[in-house]
C-alpha atoms as a PDB file:
ATOM      1  CA  MET A   1      52.912  27.418 -18.338  1.00  0.00           C
ATOM      2  CA  THR A   2      54.624  27.807 -15.002  1.00  0.00           C
ATOM      3  CA  PHE A   3      58.246  26.709 -14.581  1.00  0.00           C
ATOM      4  CA  GLY A   4      57.348  24.193 -11.869  1.00  0.00           C
ATOM      5  CA  PRO A   5      54.383  22.374 -10.284  1.00  0.00           C
ATOM      6  CA  ALA A   6      51.689  25.002  -9.655  1.00  0.00           C
ATOM      7  CA  SER A   7      50.577  23.339  -6.412  1.00  0.00           C
ATOM      8  CA  GLN A   8      54.069  23.681  -4.950  1.00  0.00           C
ATOM      9  CA  LEU A   9      54.446  27.295  -6.047  1.00  0.00           C
ATOM     10  CA  GLY A  10      51.173  28.540  -4.571  1.00  0.00           C
ATOM     11  CA  VAL A  11      49.582  29.418  -7.919  1.00  0.00           C
ATOM     12  CA  ALA A  12      47.473  26.306  -8.534  1.00  0.00           C
ATOM     13  CA  ARG A  13      44.232  28.274  -8.185  1.00  0.00           C
ATOM     14  CA  TYR A  14      45.238  30.569 -11.037  1.00  0.00           C
ATOM     15  CA  GLU A  15      46.826  27.906 -13.223  1.00  0.00           C
ATOM     16  CA  GLU A  16      43.990  25.399 -12.954  1.00  0.00           C
ATOM     17  CA  THR A  17      41.015  27.802 -13.095  1.00  0.00           C
ATOM     18  CA  PRO A  18      40.155  29.478 -16.411  1.00  0.00           C
ATOM     19  CA  PRO A  19      39.490  33.246 -16.319  1.00  0.00           C
ATOM     20  CA  LEU A  20      35.893  34.174 -15.547  1.00  0.00           C
ATOM     21  CA  GLU A  21      34.020  36.450 -17.927  1.00  0.00           C
ATOM     22  CA  LEU A  22      30.608  38.090 -17.664  1.00  0.00           C
ATOM     23  CA  LEU A  23      28.595  37.007 -20.697  1.00  0.00           C
ATOM     24  CA  PRO A  24      25.013  37.695 -21.840  1.00  0.00           C
ATOM     25  CA  GLY A  25      22.448  35.183 -20.652  1.00  0.00           C
ATOM     26  CA  GLN A  26      24.385  33.879 -17.656  1.00  0.00           C
ATOM     27  CA  SER A  27      22.367  32.452 -14.774  1.00  0.00           C
ATOM     28  CA  ALA A  28      22.094  34.028 -11.340  1.00  0.00           C
ATOM     29  CA  ALA A  29      24.379  31.295  -9.972  1.00  0.00           C
ATOM     30  CA  GLU A  30      27.032  32.026 -12.610  1.00  0.00           C
ATOM     31  CA  LYS A  31      26.904  35.732 -11.804  1.00  0.00           C
ATOM     32  CA  GLU A  32      27.238  34.987  -8.104  1.00  0.00           C
ATOM     33  CA  THR A  33      30.324  32.860  -8.803  1.00  0.00           C
ATOM     34  CA  LEU A  34      31.800  35.752 -10.771  1.00  0.00           C
ATOM     35  CA  ILE A  35      31.068  38.221  -7.964  1.00  0.00           C
ATOM     36  CA  GLN A  36      32.780  35.948  -5.448  1.00  0.00           C
ATOM     37  CA  ALA A  37      35.803  35.715  -7.763  1.00  0.00           C
ATOM     38  CA  VAL A  38      36.033  39.518  -7.886  1.00  0.00           C
ATOM     39  CA  TYR A  39      35.964  39.750  -4.089  1.00  0.00           C
ATOM     40  CA  ARG A  40      38.616  37.042  -3.804  1.00  0.00           C
ATOM     41  CA  GLN A  41      40.950  38.738  -6.272  1.00  0.00           C
ATOM     42  CA  ILE A  42      40.455  42.367  -5.273  1.00  0.00           C
ATOM     43  CA  LEU A  43      40.473  41.714  -1.527  1.00  0.00           C
ATOM     44  CA  GLY A  44      43.438  39.374  -1.679  1.00  0.00           C
ATOM     45  CA  ASN A  45      41.694  36.147  -0.706  1.00  0.00           C
ATOM     46  CA  ALA A  46      40.465  37.712   2.536  1.00  0.00           C
ATOM     47  CA  TYR A  47      37.126  36.654   4.021  1.00  0.00           C
ATOM     48  CA  VAL A  48      34.206  39.002   3.417  1.00  0.00           C
ATOM     49  CA  MET A  49      31.238  38.963   5.790  1.00  0.00           C
ATOM     50  CA  GLU A  50      27.743  39.406   4.395  1.00  0.00           C
ATOM     51  CA  SER A  51      27.473  42.784   6.129  1.00  0.00           C
ATOM     52  CA  GLU A  52      30.640  43.960   4.369  1.00  0.00           C
ATOM     53  CA  ARG A  53      29.518  43.197   0.823  1.00  0.00           C
ATOM     54  CA  ALA A  54      28.843  46.004  -1.649  1.00  0.00           C
ATOM     55  CA  VAL A  55      25.170  45.223  -2.120  1.00  0.00           C
ATOM     56  CA  VAL A  56      24.263  48.038  -4.523  1.00  0.00           C
ATOM     57  CA  PRO A  57      27.142  47.446  -6.995  1.00  0.00           C
ATOM     58  CA  GLU A  58      26.417  43.702  -6.863  1.00  0.00           C
ATOM     59  CA  SER A  59      22.808  44.358  -7.807  1.00  0.00           C
ATOM     60  CA  GLN A  60      23.861  46.705 -10.619  1.00  0.00           C
ATOM     61  CA  LEU A  61      26.210  44.062 -12.029  1.00  0.00           C
ATOM     62  CA  LYS A  62      23.490  41.402 -11.952  1.00  0.00           C
ATOM     63  CA  MET A  63      21.077  43.752 -13.739  1.00  0.00           C
ATOM     64  CA  GLY A  64      23.610  44.575 -16.451  1.00  0.00           C
ATOM     65  CA  GLU A  65      24.145  48.161 -15.306  1.00  0.00           C
ATOM     66  CA  LEU A  66      27.845  47.640 -14.476  1.00  0.00           C
ATOM     67  CA  SER A  67      30.617  45.884 -16.343  1.00  0.00           C
ATOM     68  CA  VAL A  68      33.088  43.768 -14.404  1.00  0.00           C
ATOM     69  CA  ARG A  69      35.666  46.558 -14.678  1.00  0.00           C
ATOM     70  CA  GLU A  70      33.259  49.070 -13.143  1.00  0.00           C
ATOM     71  CA  PHE A  71      32.279  46.568 -10.462  1.00  0.00           C
ATOM     72  CA  VAL A  72      35.988  46.135  -9.633  1.00  0.00           C
ATOM     73  CA  ARG A  73      36.275  49.930  -9.428  1.00  0.00           C
ATOM     74  CA  ALA A  74      33.312  50.081  -7.053  1.00  0.00           C
ATOM     75  CA  ILE A  75      34.820  47.431  -4.767  1.00  0.00           C
ATOM     76  CA  ALA A  76      38.219  49.148  -4.802  1.00  0.00           C
ATOM     77  CA  LYS A  77      36.658  52.479  -3.826  1.00  0.00           C
ATOM     78  CA  TYR A  78      34.373  50.879  -1.267  1.00  0.00           C
ATOM     79  CA  ALA A  79      35.201  51.559   2.393  1.00  0.00           C
ATOM     80  CA  LEU A  80      36.182  47.926   2.924  1.00  0.00           C
ATOM     81  CA  TYR A  81      39.130  48.019   0.511  1.00  0.00           C
ATOM     82  CA  ARG A  82      40.320  51.369   1.776  1.00  0.00           C
ATOM     83  CA  SER A  83      40.160  50.362   5.442  1.00  0.00           C
ATOM     84  CA  ARG A  84      42.012  47.084   4.869  1.00  0.00           C
ATOM     85  CA  PHE A  85      44.774  48.128   2.522  1.00  0.00           C
ATOM     86  CA  PHE A  86      45.146  51.923   2.598  1.00  0.00           C
ATOM     87  CA  ASP A  87      44.242  53.305   6.012  1.00  0.00           C
ATOM     88  CA  THR A  88      46.190  50.674   7.957  1.00  0.00           C
ATOM     89  CA  CYS A  89      49.092  49.853   5.594  1.00  0.00           C
ATOM     90  CA  PRO A  90      52.276  51.737   4.664  1.00  0.00           C
ATOM     91  CA  ARG A  91      52.185  53.441   1.266  1.00  0.00           C
ATOM     92  CA  TYR A  92      54.369  50.932  -0.567  1.00  0.00           C
ATOM     93  CA  ARG A  93      52.461  47.957   0.809  1.00  0.00           C
ATOM     94  CA  PHE A  94      49.278  49.544  -0.531  1.00  0.00           C
ATOM     95  CA  ILE A  95      50.844  50.118  -3.948  1.00  0.00           C
ATOM     96  CA  GLU A  96      52.343  46.640  -4.302  1.00  0.00           C
ATOM     97  CA  LEU A  97      48.970  45.128  -3.404  1.00  0.00           C
ATOM     98  CA  ASN A  98      47.213  47.345  -5.954  1.00  0.00           C
ATOM     99  CA  PHE A  99      49.464  45.906  -8.667  1.00  0.00           C
ATOM    100  CA  LYS A 100      48.652  42.394  -7.508  1.00  0.00           C
ATOM    101  CA  HIS A 101      44.901  42.942  -7.098  1.00  0.00           C
ATOM    102  CA  PHE A 102      44.170  44.971 -10.245  1.00  0.00           C
ATOM    103  CA  LEU A 103      46.857  43.982 -12.742  1.00  0.00           C
ATOM    104  CA  GLY A 104      47.667  40.505 -11.448  1.00  0.00           C
ATOM    105  CA  ARG A 105      51.408  41.065 -11.196  1.00  0.00           C
ATOM    106  CA  ALA A 106      54.132  42.585  -9.035  1.00  0.00           C
ATOM    107  CA  PRO A 107      55.368  46.140  -9.685  1.00  0.00           C
ATOM    108  CA  ASP A 108      57.973  46.250 -12.422  1.00  0.00           C
ATOM    109  CA  GLY A 109      60.641  48.403 -10.813  1.00  0.00           C
ATOM    110  CA  LEU A 110      61.237  51.623  -8.918  1.00  0.00           C
ATOM    111  CA  GLU A 111      59.789  53.907 -11.598  1.00  0.00           C
ATOM    112  CA  GLU A 112      56.382  52.226 -11.447  1.00  0.00           C
ATOM    113  CA  MET A 113      56.304  52.466  -7.662  1.00  0.00           C
ATOM    114  CA  ARG A 114      57.403  56.094  -7.782  1.00  0.00           C
ATOM    115  CA  ALA A 115      54.800  56.995 -10.410  1.00  0.00           C
ATOM    116  CA  HIS A 116      51.961  55.613  -8.294  1.00  0.00           C
ATOM    117  CA  SER A 117      53.305  57.252  -5.168  1.00  0.00           C
ATOM    118  CA  THR A 118      53.197  60.562  -7.045  1.00  0.00           C
ATOM    119  CA  ILE A 119      49.583  59.956  -8.062  1.00  0.00           C
ATOM    120  CA  LEU A 120      48.690  59.379  -4.409  1.00  0.00           C
ATOM    121  CA  ASP A 121      50.416  62.593  -3.372  1.00  0.00           C
ATOM    122  CA  SER A 122      49.071  64.803  -6.120  1.00  0.00           C
ATOM    123  CA  GLN A 123      45.625  63.369  -6.905  1.00  0.00           C
ATOM    124  CA  GLY A 124      44.618  61.136  -4.019  1.00  0.00           C
ATOM    125  CA  TYR A 125      43.231  57.675  -3.324  1.00  0.00           C
ATOM    126  CA  GLU A 126      40.559  57.407  -6.008  1.00  0.00           C
ATOM    127  CA  ALA A 127      42.909  58.600  -8.763  1.00  0.00           C
ATOM    128  CA  GLU A 128      45.407  55.919  -7.707  1.00  0.00           C
ATOM    129  CA  ILE A 129      42.700  53.245  -8.106  1.00  0.00           C
ATOM    130  CA  ASP A 130      41.645  54.667 -11.481  1.00  0.00           C
ATOM    131  CA  SER A 131      45.235  54.658 -12.737  1.00  0.00           C
ATOM    132  CA  TYR A 132      45.222  50.857 -12.805  1.00  0.00           C
ATOM    133  CA  LEU A 133      41.692  50.286 -14.081  1.00  0.00           C
ATOM    134  CA  ASP A 134      41.950  52.902 -16.845  1.00  0.00           C
ATOM    135  CA  SER A 135      45.390  51.782 -17.994  1.00  0.00           C
ATOM    136  CA  ASP A 136      46.020  50.276 -21.412  1.00  0.00           C
ATOM    137  CA  GLU A 137      47.459  47.228 -19.669  1.00  0.00           C
ATOM    138  CA  TYR A 138      44.224  46.524 -17.811  1.00  0.00           C
ATOM    139  CA  GLN A 139      42.098  47.093 -20.896  1.00  0.00           C
ATOM    140  CA  ASN A 140      44.282  44.933 -23.131  1.00  0.00           C
ATOM    141  CA  THR A 141      44.492  42.112 -20.572  1.00  0.00           C
ATOM    142  CA  PHE A 142      41.043  41.978 -18.987  1.00  0.00           C
ATOM    143  CA  GLY A 143      38.834  44.272 -21.056  1.00  0.00           C
ATOM    144  CA  GLU A 144      35.447  45.218 -19.645  1.00  0.00           C
ATOM    145  CA  ASN A 145      34.151  41.884 -18.449  1.00  0.00           C
ATOM    146  CA  ILE A 146      36.966  39.505 -17.452  1.00  0.00           C
ATOM    147  CA  VAL A 147      37.657  39.172 -13.722  1.00  0.00           C
ATOM    148  CA  PRO A 148      41.284  40.173 -13.012  1.00  0.00           C
ATOM    149  CA  TYR A 149      43.509  37.248 -12.065  1.00  0.00           C
ATOM    150  CA  CYS A 150      47.093  36.599 -11.031  1.00  0.00           C
ATOM    151  CA  ARG A 151      49.262  36.361 -14.156  1.00  0.00           C
ATOM    152  CA  GLY A 152      52.677  37.615 -13.047  1.00  0.00           C
ATOM    153  CA  TYR A 153      54.040  34.094 -12.562  1.00  0.00           C
ATOM    154  CA  LYS A 154      53.938  33.612 -16.340  1.00  0.00           C
ATOM    155  CA  THR A 155      56.722  35.157 -18.365  1.00  0.00           C
ATOM    156  CA  GLU A 156      55.669  37.778 -20.899  1.00  0.00           C
ATOM    157  CA  PRO A 157      57.574  39.633 -23.641  1.00  0.00           C
ATOM    158  CA  GLY A 158      58.924  42.923 -22.350  1.00  0.00           C
ATOM    159  CA  ARG A 159      58.300  42.060 -18.709  1.00  0.00           C
ATOM    160  CA  ASN A 160      61.091  42.408 -16.168  1.00  0.00           C
ATOM    161  CA  MET A 161      62.219  38.933 -15.061  1.00  0.00           C
ATOM    162  CA  VAL A 162      62.933  40.256 -11.562  1.00  0.00           C
ATOM    163  CA  GLY A 163      59.242  41.069 -11.174  1.00  0.00           C
ATOM    164  CA  PHE A 164      58.461  37.516 -12.242  1.00  0.00           C
ATOM    165  CA  THR A 165      60.176  36.213  -9.084  1.00  0.00           C
ATOM    166  CA  HIS A 166      58.507  38.855  -6.929  1.00  0.00           C
ATOM    167  CA  ILE A 167      54.952  37.635  -7.551  1.00  0.00           C
ATOM    168  CA  PHE A 168      55.700  34.450  -5.612  1.00  0.00           C
ATOM    169  CA  ALA A 169      56.477  36.523  -2.519  1.00  0.00           C
ATOM    170  CA  LEU A 170      53.109  38.282  -2.899  1.00  0.00           C
ATOM    171  CA  SER A 171      51.078  35.142  -3.665  1.00  0.00           C
ATOM    172  CA  ARG A 172      51.433  32.596  -0.890  1.00  0.00           C
ATOM    173  CA  GLY A 173      48.726  30.076  -1.726  1.00  0.00           C
ATOM    174  CA  ASN A 174      45.072  29.554  -0.877  1.00  0.00           C
ATOM    175  CA  SER A 175      45.642  29.333   2.872  1.00  0.00           C
ATOM    176  CA  SER A 176      46.930  32.909   3.110  1.00  0.00           C
ATOM    177  CA  SER A 177      45.361  36.303   2.512  1.00  0.00           C
ATOM    178  CA  ASP A 178      46.648  39.810   1.946  1.00  0.00           C
ATOM    179  CA  LEU A 179      44.790  40.980   5.039  1.00  0.00           C
ATOM    180  CA  LYS A 180      46.147  38.628   7.700  1.00  0.00           C
ATOM    181  CA  GLY A 181      47.860  35.720   6.030  1.00  0.00           C
ATOM    182  CA  SER A 182      51.190  37.309   5.111  1.00  0.00           C
ATOM    183  CA  ILE A 183      54.056  36.539   7.449  1.00  0.00           C
ATOM    184  CA  SER A 184      55.318  40.091   6.852  1.00  0.00           C
ATOM    185  CA  GLY A 185      52.126  41.478   8.395  1.00  0.00           C
ATOM    186  CA  LYS A 186      51.279  44.870   6.935  1.00  0.00           C
ATOM    187  CA  ALA A 187      54.853  45.765   6.026  1.00  0.00           C
ATOM    188  CA  PRO A 188      55.823  45.929   2.341  1.00  0.00           C
ATOM    189  CA  VAL A 189      56.998  42.565   1.034  1.00  0.00           C
ATOM    190  CA  LEU A 190      58.949  43.848  -1.952  1.00  0.00           C
ATOM    191  CA  ASN A 191      60.014  47.413  -1.173  1.00  0.00           C
ATOM    192  CA  LYS A 192      63.833  47.229  -1.318  1.00  0.00           C
ATOM    193  CA  TYR A 193      63.768  44.358  -3.813  1.00  0.00           C
ATOM    194  CA  VAL A 194      61.789  46.444  -6.294  1.00  0.00           C
ATOM    195  CA  ILE A 195      63.919  49.525  -5.729  1.00  0.00           C
ATOM    196  CA  GLN A 196      67.196  47.637  -6.203  1.00  0.00           C
ATOM    197  CA  GLU A 197      65.783  45.164  -8.770  1.00  0.00           C
ATOM    198  CA  ILE A 198      66.851  42.163  -6.702  1.00  0.00           C
ATOM    199  CA  PRO A 199      65.275  38.763  -7.560  1.00  0.00           C
ATOM    200  CA  LEU A 200      63.860  36.676  -4.726  1.00  0.00           C
ATOM    201  CA  PRO A 201      64.127  32.934  -4.127  1.00  0.00           C
ATOM    202  CA  VAL A 202      60.896  31.159  -5.038  1.00  0.00           C
ATOM    203  CA  ILE A 203      59.724  29.500  -1.822  1.00  0.00           C
ATOM    204  CA  PRO A 204      56.718  27.140  -1.716  1.00  0.00           C
ATOM    205  CA  PRO A 205      53.877  28.481   0.440  1.00  0.00           C
ATOM    206  CA  SER A 206      52.973  27.376   3.959  1.00  0.00           C
ATOM    207  CA  GLY A 207      51.467  23.948   4.161  1.00  0.00           C
ATOM    208  CA  GLY A 208      53.854  22.201   1.803  1.00  0.00           C
ATOM    209  CA  SER A 209      54.968  18.657   2.441  1.00  0.00           C
ATOM    210  CA  VAL A 210      58.086  17.830   4.424  1.00  0.00           C
ATOM    211  CA  GLY A 211      61.109  18.843   2.451  1.00  0.00           C
ATOM    212  CA  ASP A 212      59.364  21.787   0.790  1.00  0.00           C
ATOM    213  CA  GLY A 213      59.873  25.350   1.861  1.00  0.00           C
ATOM    214  CA  TRP A 214      57.831  27.105   4.493  1.00  0.00           C
ATOM    215  CA  SER A 215      56.653  30.699   4.687  1.00  0.00           C
ATOM    216  CA  PHE A 216      59.025  33.228   3.165  1.00  0.00           C
ATOM    217  CA  GLN A 217      60.214  36.018   5.438  1.00  0.00           C
ATOM    218  CA  ASP A 218      62.864  38.578   4.702  1.00  0.00           C
ATOM    219  CA  THR A 219      66.009  38.354   6.775  1.00  0.00           C
ATOM    220  CA  SER A 220      68.426  41.142   7.476  1.00  0.00           C
ATOM    221  CA  SER A 221      72.006  41.099   6.297  1.00  0.00           C
ATOM    222  CA  GLY A 222      73.092  40.793   9.902  1.00  0.00           C
ATOM    223  CA  ALA A 223      72.962  37.048  10.272  1.00  0.00           C
ATOM    224  CA  ARG A 224      71.808  35.377  13.427  1.00  0.00           C
ATOM    225  CA  SER A 225      74.610  32.868  13.070  1.00  0.00           C
ATOM    226  CA  ARG A 226      78.167  33.310  11.805  1.00  0.00           C
ATOM    227  CA  LEU A 227      80.206  30.171  11.355  1.00  0.00           C
ATOM    228  CA  GLY A 228      83.889  31.050  11.340  1.00  0.00           C
ATOM    229  CA  ALA A 229      85.520  34.419  11.934  1.00  0.00           C
ATOM    230  CA  GLY A 230      86.291  35.229   8.326  1.00  0.00           C
ATOM    231  CA  ALA A 231      86.956  33.912   4.866  1.00  0.00           C
ATOM    232  CA  GLY A 232      88.316  30.427   4.408  1.00  0.00           C
ATOM    233  CA  GLU A 233      91.255  29.255   2.392  1.00  0.00           C
ATOM    234  CA  GLU A 234      89.519  30.127  -0.863  1.00  0.00           C
ATOM    235  CA  GLY A 235      89.016  33.714   0.254  1.00  0.00           C
ATOM    236  CA  LYS A 236      85.222  33.731   0.172  1.00  0.00           C
ATOM    237  CA  VAL A 237      82.380  33.807   2.661  1.00  0.00           C
ATOM    238  CA  TYR A 238      78.949  32.581   1.574  1.00  0.00           C
ATOM    239  CA  ARG A 239      75.536  33.776   2.730  1.00  0.00           C
ATOM    240  CA  ILE A 240      73.167  30.819   3.085  1.00  0.00           C
ATOM    241  CA  GLU A 241      69.474  31.583   3.485  1.00  0.00           C
ATOM    242  CA  VAL A 242      67.451  28.691   4.846  1.00  0.00           C
ATOM    243  CA  THR A 243      63.697  28.259   4.997  1.00  0.00           C
ATOM    244  CA  GLY A 244      61.513  25.365   6.083  1.00  0.00           C
ATOM    245  CA  TYR A 245      63.021  24.465   9.465  1.00  0.00           C
ATOM    246  CA  ARG A 246      60.882  21.642  10.787  1.00  0.00           C
ATOM    247  CA  SER A 247      61.521  18.340  12.464  1.00  0.00           C
ATOM    248  CA  LEU A 248      61.570  15.627   9.802  1.00  0.00           C
ATOM    249  CA  GLY A 249      59.267  12.686  10.418  1.00  0.00           C
ATOM    250  CA  LYS A 250      57.421  14.349  13.289  1.00  0.00           C
ATOM    251  CA  VAL A 251      53.855  15.617  13.411  1.00  0.00           C
ATOM    252  CA  ASN A 252      52.935  18.858  15.176  1.00  0.00           C
ATOM    253  CA  ARG A 253      56.450  19.194  16.496  1.00  0.00           C
ATOM    254  CA  VAL A 254      57.340  22.757  17.436  1.00  0.00           C
ATOM    255  CA  SER A 255      60.565  23.910  15.836  1.00  0.00           C
ATOM    256  CA  LYS A 256      63.358  25.119  18.064  1.00  0.00           C
ATOM    257  CA  PHE A 257      63.720  28.096  15.725  1.00  0.00           C
ATOM    258  CA  ARG A 258      61.484  31.066  16.412  1.00  0.00           C
ATOM    259  CA  ARG A 259      61.646  32.288  12.808  1.00  0.00           C
ATOM    260  CA  SER A 260      60.993  30.252   9.687  1.00  0.00           C
ATOM    261  CA  ASN A 261      64.019  31.760   7.919  1.00  0.00           C
ATOM    262  CA  GLN A 262      67.626  31.663   9.074  1.00  0.00           C
ATOM    263  CA  VAL A 263      70.746  33.197   7.551  1.00  0.00           C
ATOM    264  CA  TYR A 264      74.281  31.851   7.989  1.00  0.00           C
ATOM    265  CA  PHE A 265      77.587  33.345   6.890  1.00  0.00           C
ATOM    266  CA  VAL A 266      79.891  30.437   6.183  1.00  0.00           C
ATOM    267  CA  PRO A 267      83.524  30.348   4.994  1.00  0.00           C
ATOM    268  CA  PHE A 268      84.189  28.242   1.924  1.00  0.00           C
ATOM    269  CA  ASN A 269      85.994  25.484   3.804  1.00  0.00           C
ATOM    270  CA  LYS A 270      82.877  24.853   5.967  1.00  0.00           C
ATOM    271  CA  LEU A 271      80.318  25.141   3.173  1.00  0.00           C
ATOM    272  CA  SER A 272      79.863  21.413   2.562  1.00  0.00           C
ATOM    273  CA  GLN A 273      79.680  20.642   6.278  1.00  0.00           C
ATOM    274  CA  GLU A 274      77.048  23.320   6.843  1.00  0.00           C
ATOM    275  CA  TYR A 275      75.044  22.198   3.796  1.00  0.00           C
ATOM    276  CA  GLN A 276      74.776  18.683   5.267  1.00  0.00           C
ATOM    277  CA  ARG A 277      73.865  19.946   8.741  1.00  0.00           C
ATOM    278  CA  ILE A 278      71.016  22.110   7.419  1.00  0.00           C
ATOM    279  CA  HIS A 279      69.437  19.219   5.569  1.00  0.00           C
ATOM    280  CA  ARG A 280      69.777  16.906   8.568  1.00  0.00           C
ATOM    281  CA  GLU A 281      67.795  19.408  10.633  1.00  0.00           C
ATOM    282  CA  GLY A 282      64.984  19.633   8.068  1.00  0.00           C
ATOM    283  CA  GLY A 283      65.893  22.975   6.502  1.00  0.00           C
ATOM    284  CA  VAL A 284      65.566  23.891   2.846  1.00  0.00           C
ATOM    285  CA  ILE A 285      68.261  26.112   1.349  1.00  0.00           C
ATOM    286  CA  ALA A 286      66.702  29.016  -0.529  1.00  0.00           C
ATOM    287  CA  SER A 287      69.942  30.553  -1.768  1.00  0.00           C
ATOM    288  CA  ILE A 288      73.740  30.427  -1.439  1.00  0.00           C
ATOM    289  CA  THR A 289      75.435  33.686  -2.344  1.00  0.00           C
ATOM    290  CA  PRO A 290      79.107  34.736  -2.160  1.00  0.00           C
ATOM    291  CA  ILE A 291      79.450  38.004  -0.264  1.00  0.00           C
ATOM    292  CA  ASN A 292      83.133  38.858  -0.753  1.00  0.00           C
END
């Protein structure tokens, strides 16, 4: 079970669709559905043209010559995956997407990221792909014939709770893709958050109703707006991160803000006033954190 409505968290597709498994005696249509599910998961919901499909591995799967795991391996080592997520992306973007695509979760800390970076350096691209598919975790979770799926939004024994929040930054709903749909572009989404084990606010994906959050985008510690020169009477300044700036009650109204996220540094004695102003302007507060 998720901790909130799946549709608002961007994981409805995973929560409401049972895992797909290749079974003996399945029809051609059922196998085609499974193949499409593999493409969707491994290529991060990105569109695949007919000319880009891996025709030979598809045929081998349909004829029973490949398991789902080996078909996933073939797609991951196919030129399409490499060109989209390795050749044109920074190293840590590639690695965080590998965790999402093959294991269905976000990386679980700096050591995991470092270990896979070392594999890339010492053994190369194909060994990095194999390290996920040949892992005990993959085998125990998906076996030979279950299509990998996003599972990191569900808590598991022994799993880092910080990584649980990170999967929501990687999975932004059906309307986005890992190729072009991320607001971060090709830059790593999690990099510093994984390294420092910092949890992220869970922001609903783009397309939510008025009052929900909008697309999550990291914001630097240097705020675009500072309200007040220093701490207030209580001696604290608060960092407010706001997402979802839109004009309430309007349709197709362009926001006056050029970025979907804003950060404000607010002294304690103006906190309530600023809280009310943000909500009047249609913003959704993602987090309020004391900084001194």
